[in-house]
Amino acid sequence: MRKKRITSYALFMVVIILVSMITGCTTSVEKIPIPKIEKDVYIYDDDNIIDDDVEKTLNKMLVELEEKTEVEFSVVSVESVLGSIEDYANNLFNTFGIDKDNGVLLLFSQSDEKVILKIGRELKECLTDSECGQILDDYFVPYQEDDDYTKATEMTVKAVLTVIAEEYEVNIQGLETDISVEDDSDDSDDKDDK
């Protein structure tokens, strides 16, 4: 009888520990901050590291992009991604309602030193994984290393806009023509997060 009680007690404790672990994981996922969606706002600088003037200019360009192409391009800076940036990006894609076929997400965290450029399915031909990696290497990472997230964001957004504008044959006001994006690789399986 005593052995049954000890076994039952041990089993009960294992269940309690498992429930606590699962609950702990769930609450950490729920604590991931998701910015409040606002009409005609495409840049969510929760970490407050992008200069306001640049943020306004880029947002205006992203509004124009959606009006002319229906491509939704959101930029999100957060204090921390609290784990996998890929999981966080997927969560944002779903929560924001970014069109998985026709959407773009630039997500980064200064404190984690993580960045990802996530591209919807329909845009994968004009913005391959290797091109996204090249854009981050050429336009985000050099400024990130200098802790200049305003310039990193500005140059990365403009590089992506250049590719999309060329693909859709539209002009975006304020977009320089001297930004070039070259696909240095034939392999499109490269990772697009840094």
N, C-alpha and C. Protein backbone atom coordinates (compact mmCIF):
# COMPACT_ATOMS: atom_id res chain seq x y z
N MET A 1 0.82 -1.19 0.00
CA MET A 1 0.00 0.00 0.00
C MET A 1 0.86 1.26 0.00
N ARG A 2 1.90 1.24 0.82
CA ARG A 2 2.80 2.38 0.92
C ARG A 2 3.53 2.60 -0.40
N LYS A 3 3.90 1.51 -1.08
CA LYS A 3 4.60 1.61 -2.36
C LYS A 3 3.70 2.25 -3.42
N LYS A 4 2.39 1.93 -3.38
CA LYS A 4 1.45 2.52 -4.32
C LYS A 4 1.34 4.02 -4.10
N ARG A 5 1.31 4.44 -2.83
CA ARG A 5 1.22 5.87 -2.52
C ARG A 5 2.45 6.62 -3.01
N ILE A 6 3.63 6.02 -2.79
CA ILE A 6 4.87 6.67 -3.24
C ILE A 6 4.88 6.76 -4.76
N THR A 7 4.46 5.71 -5.45
CA THR A 7 4.41 5.71 -6.90
C THR A 7 3.40 6.75 -7.38
N SER A 8 2.22 6.80 -6.77
CA SER A 8 1.21 7.78 -7.14
C SER A 8 1.71 9.20 -6.90
N TYR A 9 2.36 9.41 -5.77
CA TYR A 9 2.91 10.72 -5.44
C TYR A 9 3.98 11.13 -6.46
N ALA A 10 4.86 10.20 -6.82
CA ALA A 10 5.92 10.47 -7.80
C ALA A 10 5.31 10.81 -9.16
N LEU A 11 4.30 10.06 -9.57
CA LEU A 11 3.63 10.31 -10.83
C LEU A 11 2.95 11.69 -10.81
N PHE A 12 2.30 12.01 -9.67
CA PHE A 12 1.65 13.30 -9.51
C PHE A 12 2.66 14.44 -9.64
N MET A 13 3.83 14.29 -9.04
CA MET A 13 4.88 15.31 -9.10
C MET A 13 5.40 15.49 -10.53
N VAL A 14 5.56 14.39 -11.24
CA VAL A 14 6.02 14.46 -12.63
C VAL A 14 5.00 15.23 -13.47
N VAL A 15 3.72 14.95 -13.28
CA VAL A 15 2.67 15.66 -14.01
C VAL A 15 2.71 17.15 -13.67
N ILE A 16 2.85 17.49 -12.40
CA ILE A 16 2.92 18.90 -11.98
C ILE A 16 4.11 19.59 -12.64
N ILE A 17 5.25 18.93 -12.65
CA ILE A 17 6.45 19.52 -13.25
C ILE A 17 6.24 19.73 -14.75
N LEU A 18 5.68 18.75 -15.43
CA LEU A 18 5.42 18.87 -16.87
C LEU A 18 4.45 20.00 -17.17
N VAL A 19 3.39 20.09 -16.39
CA VAL A 19 2.41 21.17 -16.58
C VAL A 19 3.08 22.53 -16.34
N SER A 20 3.92 22.61 -15.33
CA SER A 20 4.62 23.88 -15.05
C SER A 20 5.54 24.25 -16.20
N MET A 21 6.23 23.26 -16.76
CA MET A 21 7.14 23.54 -17.88
C MET A 21 6.35 24.00 -19.10
N ILE A 22 5.25 23.32 -19.39
CA ILE A 22 4.44 23.70 -20.55
C ILE A 22 3.84 25.08 -20.35
N THR A 23 3.34 25.35 -19.17
CA THR A 23 2.77 26.66 -18.86
C THR A 23 3.84 27.74 -18.94
N GLY A 24 5.02 27.45 -18.47
CA GLY A 24 6.14 28.41 -18.54
C GLY A 24 6.48 28.73 -19.97
N CYS A 25 6.49 27.72 -20.84
CA CYS A 25 6.78 27.95 -22.26
C CYS A 25 5.69 28.79 -22.90
N THR A 26 4.45 28.50 -22.58
CA THR A 26 3.33 29.22 -23.16
C THR A 26 3.36 30.68 -22.75
N THR A 27 3.63 30.95 -21.48
CA THR A 27 3.63 32.35 -21.05
C THR A 27 4.77 33.12 -21.66
N SER A 28 5.92 32.48 -21.91
CA SER A 28 7.01 33.22 -22.53
C SER A 28 6.68 33.57 -23.97
N VAL A 29 5.93 32.67 -24.68
CA VAL A 29 5.50 32.98 -26.04
C VAL A 29 4.50 34.13 -26.01
N GLU A 30 3.58 34.11 -25.02
CA GLU A 30 2.58 35.16 -24.93
C GLU A 30 3.20 36.51 -24.59
N LYS A 31 4.36 36.53 -23.98
CA LYS A 31 5.00 37.78 -23.59
C LYS A 31 5.69 38.46 -24.77
N ILE A 32 5.79 37.77 -25.91
CA ILE A 32 6.40 38.39 -27.08
C ILE A 32 5.54 39.58 -27.48
N PRO A 33 6.13 40.77 -27.49
CA PRO A 33 5.32 41.95 -27.81
C PRO A 33 4.97 42.01 -29.30
N ILE A 34 3.70 42.19 -29.57
CA ILE A 34 3.23 42.37 -30.93
C ILE A 34 2.69 43.79 -31.02
N PRO A 35 3.27 44.61 -31.90
CA PRO A 35 2.80 46.00 -32.00
C PRO A 35 1.33 46.08 -32.40
N LYS A 36 0.67 47.12 -31.94
CA LYS A 36 -0.72 47.36 -32.30
C LYS A 36 -0.78 47.85 -33.75
N ILE A 37 -1.60 47.19 -34.54
CA ILE A 37 -1.69 47.51 -35.96
C ILE A 37 -2.48 48.80 -36.14
N GLU A 38 -1.92 49.70 -36.96
CA GLU A 38 -2.58 50.97 -37.25
C GLU A 38 -2.65 51.16 -38.76
N LYS A 39 -3.70 51.80 -39.21
CA LYS A 39 -3.88 52.04 -40.65
C LYS A 39 -2.77 52.94 -41.18
N ASP A 40 -2.23 52.57 -42.32
CA ASP A 40 -1.17 53.32 -43.01
C ASP A 40 0.10 53.48 -42.18
N VAL A 41 0.32 52.57 -41.25
CA VAL A 41 1.58 52.53 -40.52
C VAL A 41 2.26 51.21 -40.86
N TYR A 42 3.47 51.31 -41.37
CA TYR A 42 4.21 50.13 -41.80
C TYR A 42 5.51 49.96 -41.03
N ILE A 43 5.86 50.97 -40.23
CA ILE A 43 7.09 50.88 -39.43
C ILE A 43 6.70 50.96 -37.96
N TYR A 44 7.07 49.90 -37.24
CA TYR A 44 6.77 49.79 -35.81
C TYR A 44 8.10 49.74 -35.07
N ASP A 45 8.52 50.89 -34.58
CA ASP A 45 9.83 51.03 -33.95
C ASP A 45 9.67 50.98 -32.43
N ASP A 46 9.31 49.80 -31.92
CA ASP A 46 9.09 49.66 -30.48
C ASP A 46 10.36 49.89 -29.67
N ASP A 47 11.50 49.62 -30.27
CA ASP A 47 12.77 49.82 -29.57
C ASP A 47 13.23 51.28 -29.67
N ASN A 48 12.52 52.10 -30.46
CA ASN A 48 12.79 53.52 -30.62
C ASN A 48 14.24 53.82 -31.01
N ILE A 49 14.68 53.15 -32.07
CA ILE A 49 16.07 53.34 -32.51
C ILE A 49 16.18 53.92 -33.93
N ILE A 50 15.03 54.17 -34.57
CA ILE A 50 15.03 54.77 -35.90
C ILE A 50 14.64 56.23 -35.75
N ASP A 51 15.45 57.13 -36.33
CA ASP A 51 15.14 58.56 -36.27
C ASP A 51 13.74 58.81 -36.84
N ASP A 52 12.99 59.69 -36.19
CA ASP A 52 11.61 59.96 -36.56
C ASP A 52 11.46 60.43 -38.01
N ASP A 53 12.36 61.31 -38.46
CA ASP A 53 12.26 61.83 -39.83
C ASP A 53 12.43 60.71 -40.86
N VAL A 54 13.39 59.84 -40.62
CA VAL A 54 13.62 58.72 -41.54
C VAL A 54 12.44 57.76 -41.49
N GLU A 55 11.94 57.52 -40.30
CA GLU A 55 10.78 56.64 -40.15
C GLU A 55 9.58 57.15 -40.95
N LYS A 56 9.30 58.45 -40.86
CA LYS A 56 8.18 59.05 -41.60
C LYS A 56 8.39 58.94 -43.11
N THR A 57 9.61 59.21 -43.56
CA THR A 57 9.91 59.13 -44.99
C THR A 57 9.74 57.72 -45.51
N LEU A 58 10.29 56.75 -44.78
CA LEU A 58 10.18 55.35 -45.21
C LEU A 58 8.73 54.89 -45.18
N ASN A 59 8.00 55.27 -44.14
CA ASN A 59 6.60 54.85 -44.04
C ASN A 59 5.80 55.36 -45.24
N LYS A 60 6.07 56.60 -45.63
CA LYS A 60 5.40 57.19 -46.79
C LYS A 60 5.69 56.37 -48.06
N MET A 61 6.93 55.92 -48.19
CA MET A 61 7.31 55.10 -49.34
C MET A 61 6.60 53.75 -49.31
N LEU A 62 6.43 53.19 -48.11
CA LEU A 62 5.79 51.89 -47.99
C LEU A 62 4.28 51.98 -48.24
N VAL A 63 3.68 53.10 -47.88
CA VAL A 63 2.27 53.35 -48.21
C VAL A 63 2.13 53.41 -49.73
N GLU A 64 3.02 54.16 -50.37
CA GLU A 64 2.98 54.28 -51.83
C GLU A 64 3.20 52.92 -52.50
N LEU A 65 4.10 52.11 -51.94
CA LEU A 65 4.35 50.77 -52.48
C LEU A 65 3.06 49.95 -52.48
N GLU A 66 2.35 49.94 -51.36
CA GLU A 66 1.12 49.13 -51.31
C GLU A 66 0.06 49.68 -52.26
N GLU A 67 -0.04 51.00 -52.35
CA GLU A 67 -1.03 51.59 -53.26
C GLU A 67 -0.76 51.21 -54.71
N LYS A 68 0.51 51.14 -55.09
CA LYS A 68 0.87 50.88 -56.48
C LYS A 68 1.02 49.39 -56.83
N THR A 69 1.29 48.56 -55.82
CA THR A 69 1.60 47.15 -56.12
C THR A 69 0.80 46.15 -55.28
N GLU A 70 0.16 46.61 -54.23
CA GLU A 70 -0.53 45.77 -53.24
C GLU A 70 0.44 44.94 -52.39
N VAL A 71 1.74 45.23 -52.49
CA VAL A 71 2.73 44.57 -51.65
C VAL A 71 2.73 45.24 -50.28
N GLU A 72 2.58 44.43 -49.23
CA GLU A 72 2.61 44.92 -47.86
C GLU A 72 4.00 44.71 -47.30
N PHE A 73 4.67 45.77 -46.90
CA PHE A 73 6.04 45.71 -46.39
C PHE A 73 6.05 46.36 -45.02
N SER A 74 6.24 45.55 -43.98
CA SER A 74 6.30 46.06 -42.61
C SER A 74 7.71 45.97 -42.07
N VAL A 75 8.08 46.96 -41.27
CA VAL A 75 9.39 47.01 -40.60
C VAL A 75 9.11 47.04 -39.11
N VAL A 76 9.73 46.12 -38.36
CA VAL A 76 9.49 46.04 -36.92
C VAL A 76 10.82 45.95 -36.19
N SER A 77 11.03 46.88 -35.25
CA SER A 77 12.18 46.79 -34.35
C SER A 77 11.63 46.51 -32.96
N VAL A 78 12.23 45.55 -32.29
CA VAL A 78 11.79 45.17 -30.94
C VAL A 78 12.99 45.13 -30.01
N GLU A 79 12.70 45.25 -28.73
CA GLU A 79 13.77 45.21 -27.74
C GLU A 79 14.45 43.85 -27.73
N SER A 80 13.64 42.78 -27.80
CA SER A 80 14.18 41.43 -27.84
C SER A 80 13.21 40.51 -28.55
N VAL A 81 13.75 39.54 -29.29
CA VAL A 81 12.88 38.57 -29.96
C VAL A 81 12.56 37.39 -29.06
N LEU A 82 13.18 37.33 -27.88
CA LEU A 82 12.89 36.30 -26.89
C LEU A 82 12.96 34.89 -27.46
N GLY A 83 14.03 34.59 -28.18
CA GLY A 83 14.20 33.24 -28.73
C GLY A 83 14.50 33.28 -30.20
N SER A 84 13.81 32.44 -30.95
CA SER A 84 14.05 32.31 -32.38
C SER A 84 13.44 33.48 -33.15
N ILE A 85 14.26 34.15 -33.94
CA ILE A 85 13.76 35.27 -34.74
C ILE A 85 12.84 34.77 -35.84
N GLU A 86 13.07 33.56 -36.32
CA GLU A 86 12.22 32.95 -37.34
C GLU A 86 10.80 32.75 -36.78
N ASP A 87 10.71 32.22 -35.55
CA ASP A 87 9.40 32.01 -34.92
C ASP A 87 8.69 33.35 -34.70
N TYR A 88 9.45 34.33 -34.24
CA TYR A 88 8.88 35.66 -34.00
C TYR A 88 8.35 36.24 -35.31
N ALA A 89 9.14 36.12 -36.39
CA ALA A 89 8.73 36.64 -37.69
C ALA A 89 7.46 35.96 -38.18
N ASN A 90 7.38 34.65 -38.02
CA ASN A 90 6.16 33.92 -38.41
C ASN A 90 4.96 34.41 -37.60
N ASN A 91 5.17 34.63 -36.30
CA ASN A 91 4.12 35.13 -35.43
C ASN A 91 3.64 36.50 -35.90
N LEU A 92 4.58 37.37 -36.26
CA LEU A 92 4.22 38.71 -36.75
C LEU A 92 3.47 38.63 -38.08
N PHE A 93 3.94 37.78 -38.99
CA PHE A 93 3.27 37.61 -40.28
C PHE A 93 1.80 37.26 -40.04
N ASN A 94 1.57 36.30 -39.12
CA ASN A 94 0.21 35.85 -38.84
C ASN A 94 -0.61 36.91 -38.11
N THR A 95 -0.04 37.53 -37.09
CA THR A 95 -0.77 38.50 -36.27
C THR A 95 -1.05 39.78 -37.04
N PHE A 96 -0.08 40.25 -37.80
CA PHE A 96 -0.25 41.47 -38.58
C PHE A 96 -1.19 41.25 -39.75
N GLY A 97 -1.36 40.00 -40.14
CA GLY A 97 -2.17 39.73 -41.32
C GLY A 97 -1.43 40.12 -42.58
N ILE A 98 -0.09 40.10 -42.52
CA ILE A 98 0.70 40.38 -43.71
C ILE A 98 0.41 39.28 -44.72
N ASP A 99 0.11 39.66 -45.93
CA ASP A 99 -0.20 38.68 -46.97
C ASP A 99 0.98 37.74 -47.17
N LYS A 100 0.78 36.46 -46.89
CA LYS A 100 1.88 35.50 -46.98
C LYS A 100 2.36 35.33 -48.41
N ASP A 101 1.51 35.68 -49.38
CA ASP A 101 1.93 35.59 -50.77
C ASP A 101 2.64 36.86 -51.21
N ASN A 102 2.17 37.98 -50.72
CA ASN A 102 2.59 39.26 -51.26
C ASN A 102 3.10 40.19 -50.17
N GLY A 103 3.77 39.64 -49.15
CA GLY A 103 4.22 40.45 -48.04
C GLY A 103 5.72 40.40 -47.83
N VAL A 104 6.21 41.43 -47.14
CA VAL A 104 7.63 41.53 -46.79
C VAL A 104 7.69 41.99 -45.33
N LEU A 105 8.61 41.39 -44.58
CA LEU A 105 8.80 41.79 -43.19
C LEU A 105 10.30 41.92 -42.92
N LEU A 106 10.68 43.10 -42.44
CA LEU A 106 12.03 43.31 -41.92
C LEU A 106 11.89 43.41 -40.41
N LEU A 107 12.45 42.45 -39.70
CA LEU A 107 12.36 42.39 -38.24
C LEU A 107 13.77 42.37 -37.67
N PHE A 108 13.99 43.20 -36.64
CA PHE A 108 15.32 43.19 -36.01
C PHE A 108 15.24 43.61 -34.56
N SER A 109 16.28 43.21 -33.83
CA SER A 109 16.42 43.56 -32.43
C SER A 109 17.85 44.01 -32.19
N GLN A 110 18.00 45.21 -31.68
CA GLN A 110 19.33 45.75 -31.40
C GLN A 110 20.01 44.96 -30.28
N SER A 111 19.31 44.69 -29.21
CA SER A 111 19.94 44.02 -28.07
C SER A 111 20.33 42.58 -28.39
N ASP A 112 19.53 41.91 -29.23
CA ASP A 112 19.84 40.53 -29.62
C ASP A 112 20.80 40.47 -30.81
N GLU A 113 20.97 41.61 -31.49
CA GLU A 113 21.77 41.68 -32.72
C GLU A 113 21.29 40.65 -33.74
N LYS A 114 19.96 40.58 -33.90
CA LYS A 114 19.35 39.66 -34.85
C LYS A 114 18.53 40.45 -35.86
N VAL A 115 18.51 39.92 -37.09
CA VAL A 115 17.72 40.54 -38.14
C VAL A 115 17.25 39.44 -39.10
N ILE A 116 16.05 39.65 -39.64
CA ILE A 116 15.52 38.72 -40.64
C ILE A 116 14.72 39.52 -41.66
N LEU A 117 14.82 39.09 -42.89
CA LEU A 117 14.05 39.66 -43.98
C LEU A 117 13.19 38.51 -44.51
N LYS A 118 11.90 38.57 -44.22
CA LYS A 118 10.98 37.49 -44.57
C LYS A 118 10.14 37.92 -45.77
N ILE A 119 10.06 37.03 -46.76
CA ILE A 119 9.43 37.36 -48.04
C ILE A 119 8.27 36.40 -48.31
N GLY A 120 7.15 36.94 -48.78
CA GLY A 120 6.00 36.12 -49.16
C GLY A 120 6.26 35.30 -50.41
N ARG A 121 5.47 34.27 -50.59
CA ARG A 121 5.68 33.30 -51.69
C ARG A 121 5.72 33.94 -53.08
N GLU A 122 4.80 34.86 -53.37
CA GLU A 122 4.74 35.44 -54.72
C GLU A 122 5.97 36.30 -55.03
N LEU A 123 6.66 36.76 -54.01
CA LEU A 123 7.82 37.63 -54.22
C LEU A 123 9.13 36.85 -54.23
N LYS A 124 9.07 35.54 -54.00
CA LYS A 124 10.29 34.73 -53.89
C LYS A 124 11.09 34.68 -55.20
N GLU A 125 10.44 34.92 -56.34
CA GLU A 125 11.18 34.91 -57.60
C GLU A 125 11.99 36.19 -57.78
N CYS A 126 11.44 37.31 -57.34
CA CYS A 126 12.21 38.56 -57.50
C CYS A 126 13.09 38.84 -56.30
N LEU A 127 12.75 38.27 -55.14
CA LEU A 127 13.57 38.43 -53.93
C LEU A 127 13.89 37.04 -53.37
N THR A 128 14.87 36.41 -53.97
CA THR A 128 15.25 35.06 -53.53
C THR A 128 15.91 35.13 -52.16
N ASP A 129 16.06 33.97 -51.54
CA ASP A 129 16.73 33.91 -50.24
C ASP A 129 18.15 34.46 -50.33
N SER A 130 18.84 34.12 -51.42
CA SER A 130 20.22 34.61 -51.54
C SER A 130 20.26 36.12 -51.74
N GLU A 131 19.30 36.67 -52.48
CA GLU A 131 19.24 38.13 -52.64
C GLU A 131 18.93 38.81 -51.31
N CYS A 132 18.02 38.23 -50.54
CA CYS A 132 17.71 38.80 -49.22
C CYS A 132 18.94 38.76 -48.32
N GLY A 133 19.66 37.65 -48.37
CA GLY A 133 20.91 37.56 -47.59
C GLY A 133 21.92 38.60 -48.03
N GLN A 134 22.00 38.81 -49.35
CA GLN A 134 22.92 39.80 -49.89
C GLN A 134 22.53 41.22 -49.48
N ILE A 135 21.21 41.50 -49.50
CA ILE A 135 20.72 42.81 -49.07
C ILE A 135 21.09 43.06 -47.62
N LEU A 136 20.86 42.07 -46.76
CA LEU A 136 21.22 42.23 -45.34
C LEU A 136 22.73 42.41 -45.18
N ASP A 137 23.51 41.63 -45.91
CA ASP A 137 24.97 41.74 -45.82
C ASP A 137 25.48 43.10 -46.30
N ASP A 138 24.89 43.60 -47.38
CA ASP A 138 25.36 44.85 -47.99
C ASP A 138 24.80 46.11 -47.32
N TYR A 139 23.55 46.05 -46.87
CA TYR A 139 22.88 47.26 -46.45
C TYR A 139 22.49 47.31 -44.97
N PHE A 140 22.33 46.17 -44.32
CA PHE A 140 21.95 46.20 -42.91
C PHE A 140 23.15 46.00 -41.99
N VAL A 141 23.84 44.91 -42.20
CA VAL A 141 24.92 44.50 -41.28
C VAL A 141 26.02 45.56 -41.11
N PRO A 142 26.51 46.20 -42.18
CA PRO A 142 27.59 47.19 -41.98
C PRO A 142 27.18 48.33 -41.04
N TYR A 143 25.93 48.79 -41.15
CA TYR A 143 25.46 49.87 -40.28
C TYR A 143 25.12 49.34 -38.89
N GLN A 144 24.63 48.11 -38.83
CA GLN A 144 24.36 47.47 -37.54
C GLN A 144 25.65 47.37 -36.72
N GLU A 145 26.74 47.02 -37.39
CA GLU A 145 28.03 46.91 -36.71
C GLU A 145 28.49 48.25 -36.14
N ASP A 146 28.05 49.35 -36.78
CA ASP A 146 28.36 50.70 -36.29
C ASP A 146 27.28 51.21 -35.34
N ASP A 147 26.30 50.36 -35.00
CA ASP A 147 25.19 50.70 -34.13
C ASP A 147 24.33 51.83 -34.70
N ASP A 148 24.28 51.91 -36.04
CA ASP A 148 23.47 52.92 -36.72
C ASP A 148 22.25 52.23 -37.34
N TYR A 149 21.25 51.99 -36.50
CA TYR A 149 20.07 51.25 -36.96
C TYR A 149 19.16 52.10 -37.85
N THR A 150 19.28 53.42 -37.74
CA THR A 150 18.51 54.27 -38.65
C THR A 150 18.99 54.05 -40.08
N LYS A 151 20.28 54.13 -40.30
CA LYS A 151 20.84 53.96 -41.64
C LYS A 151 20.66 52.51 -42.12
N ALA A 152 20.83 51.55 -41.21
CA ALA A 152 20.64 50.13 -41.57
C ALA A 152 19.23 49.91 -42.08
N THR A 153 18.26 50.47 -41.38
CA THR A 153 16.86 50.31 -41.78
C THR A 153 16.59 51.02 -43.09
N GLU A 154 17.04 52.26 -43.18
CA GLU A 154 16.81 53.06 -44.38
C GLU A 154 17.37 52.37 -45.63
N MET A 155 18.62 51.95 -45.56
CA MET A 155 19.27 51.36 -46.73
C MET A 155 18.65 50.00 -47.10
N THR A 156 18.30 49.22 -46.10
CA THR A 156 17.71 47.90 -46.35
C THR A 156 16.33 48.05 -46.99
N VAL A 157 15.51 48.93 -46.44
CA VAL A 157 14.18 49.16 -47.00
C VAL A 157 14.30 49.66 -48.43
N LYS A 158 15.19 50.60 -48.68
CA LYS A 158 15.34 51.13 -50.02
C LYS A 158 15.87 50.08 -51.01
N ALA A 159 16.74 49.20 -50.54
CA ALA A 159 17.24 48.13 -51.41
C ALA A 159 16.10 47.18 -51.79
N VAL A 160 15.28 46.81 -50.83
CA VAL A 160 14.14 45.92 -51.11
C VAL A 160 13.15 46.64 -52.03
N LEU A 161 12.88 47.91 -51.75
CA LEU A 161 11.96 48.68 -52.59
C LEU A 161 12.46 48.77 -54.03
N THR A 162 13.77 48.91 -54.20
CA THR A 162 14.35 48.97 -55.54
C THR A 162 14.02 47.72 -56.34
N VAL A 163 14.19 46.57 -55.71
CA VAL A 163 13.92 45.29 -56.39
C VAL A 163 12.43 45.16 -56.72
N ILE A 164 11.57 45.48 -55.74
CA ILE A 164 10.12 45.34 -55.96
C ILE A 164 9.63 46.35 -57.01
N ALA A 165 10.11 47.59 -56.94
CA ALA A 165 9.70 48.61 -57.91
C ALA A 165 10.10 48.20 -59.32
N GLU A 166 11.28 47.62 -59.45
CA GLU A 166 11.73 47.15 -60.76
C GLU A 166 10.86 46.00 -61.24
N GLU A 167 10.54 45.07 -60.36
CA GLU A 167 9.71 43.92 -60.71
C GLU A 167 8.30 44.35 -61.16
N TYR A 168 7.72 45.30 -60.45
CA TYR A 168 6.36 45.76 -60.75
C TYR A 168 6.34 46.94 -61.73
N GLU A 169 7.51 47.41 -62.12
CA GLU A 169 7.65 48.52 -63.06
C GLU A 169 6.90 49.77 -62.58
N VAL A 170 7.20 50.15 -61.33
CA VAL A 170 6.61 51.36 -60.75
C VAL A 170 7.73 52.25 -60.22
N ASN A 171 7.41 53.51 -60.05
CA ASN A 171 8.34 54.45 -59.42
C ASN A 171 7.84 54.75 -58.01
N ILE A 172 8.76 54.75 -57.06
CA ILE A 172 8.44 55.12 -55.69
C ILE A 172 9.15 56.44 -55.41
N GLN A 173 8.40 57.45 -55.02
CA GLN A 173 8.96 58.78 -54.78
C GLN A 173 10.03 58.72 -53.69
N GLY A 174 11.20 59.32 -53.98
CA GLY A 174 12.29 59.37 -53.02
C GLY A 174 13.24 58.19 -53.08
N LEU A 175 12.97 57.25 -53.96
CA LEU A 175 13.82 56.06 -54.08
C LEU A 175 14.97 56.36 -55.03
N GLU A 176 16.21 56.28 -54.51
CA GLU A 176 17.38 56.55 -55.33
C GLU A 176 17.56 55.43 -56.36
N THR A 177 18.14 55.79 -57.47
CA THR A 177 18.37 54.80 -58.52
C THR A 177 19.76 54.18 -58.42
N ASP A 178 20.59 54.64 -57.47
CA ASP A 178 21.96 54.12 -57.38
C ASP A 178 22.10 52.92 -56.44
N ILE A 179 20.99 52.43 -55.89
CA ILE A 179 21.04 51.25 -55.04
C ILE A 179 20.90 50.02 -55.94
N SER A 180 21.88 49.14 -55.83
CA SER A 180 21.81 47.93 -56.66
C SER A 180 21.81 46.70 -55.77
N VAL A 181 21.10 45.70 -56.25
CA VAL A 181 21.03 44.42 -55.55
C VAL A 181 21.37 43.34 -56.56
N GLU A 182 22.43 42.62 -56.26
CA GLU A 182 22.84 41.55 -57.16
C GLU A 182 22.75 40.22 -56.45
N ASP A 183 22.29 39.24 -57.16
CA ASP A 183 22.22 37.88 -56.64
C ASP A 183 23.55 37.22 -56.95
N ASP A 184 24.40 37.09 -55.93
CA ASP A 184 25.74 36.52 -56.13
C ASP A 184 25.76 35.00 -56.14
N SER A 185 24.60 34.39 -55.94
CA SER A 185 24.57 32.94 -55.82
C SER A 185 23.46 32.36 -56.67
N ASP A 186 23.74 31.19 -57.24
CA ASP A 186 22.70 30.47 -57.98
C ASP A 186 21.84 29.67 -57.02
N ASP A 187 22.29 29.48 -55.81
CA ASP A 187 21.60 28.67 -54.80
C ASP A 187 20.64 29.55 -54.02
N SER A 188 19.35 29.25 -54.11
CA SER A 188 18.35 30.06 -53.41
C SER A 188 17.98 29.49 -52.07
N ASP A 189 18.78 28.56 -51.54
CA ASP A 189 18.48 27.97 -50.23
C ASP A 189 19.23 28.63 -49.10
N ASP A 190 19.91 29.74 -49.37
CA ASP A 190 20.65 30.44 -48.30
C ASP A 190 19.68 30.95 -47.26
N LYS A 191 20.16 31.07 -46.03
CA LYS A 191 19.33 31.60 -44.95
C LYS A 191 19.21 33.10 -45.11
N ASP A 192 18.03 33.65 -44.76
CA ASP A 192 17.84 35.08 -44.85
C ASP A 192 17.78 35.73 -43.49
N ASP A 193 18.29 35.04 -42.48
CA ASP A 193 18.40 35.69 -41.17
C ASP A 193 19.84 35.73 -40.73
N LYS A 194 20.18 36.74 -39.96
CA LYS A 194 21.58 36.96 -39.55
C LYS A 194 21.68 36.94 -38.05
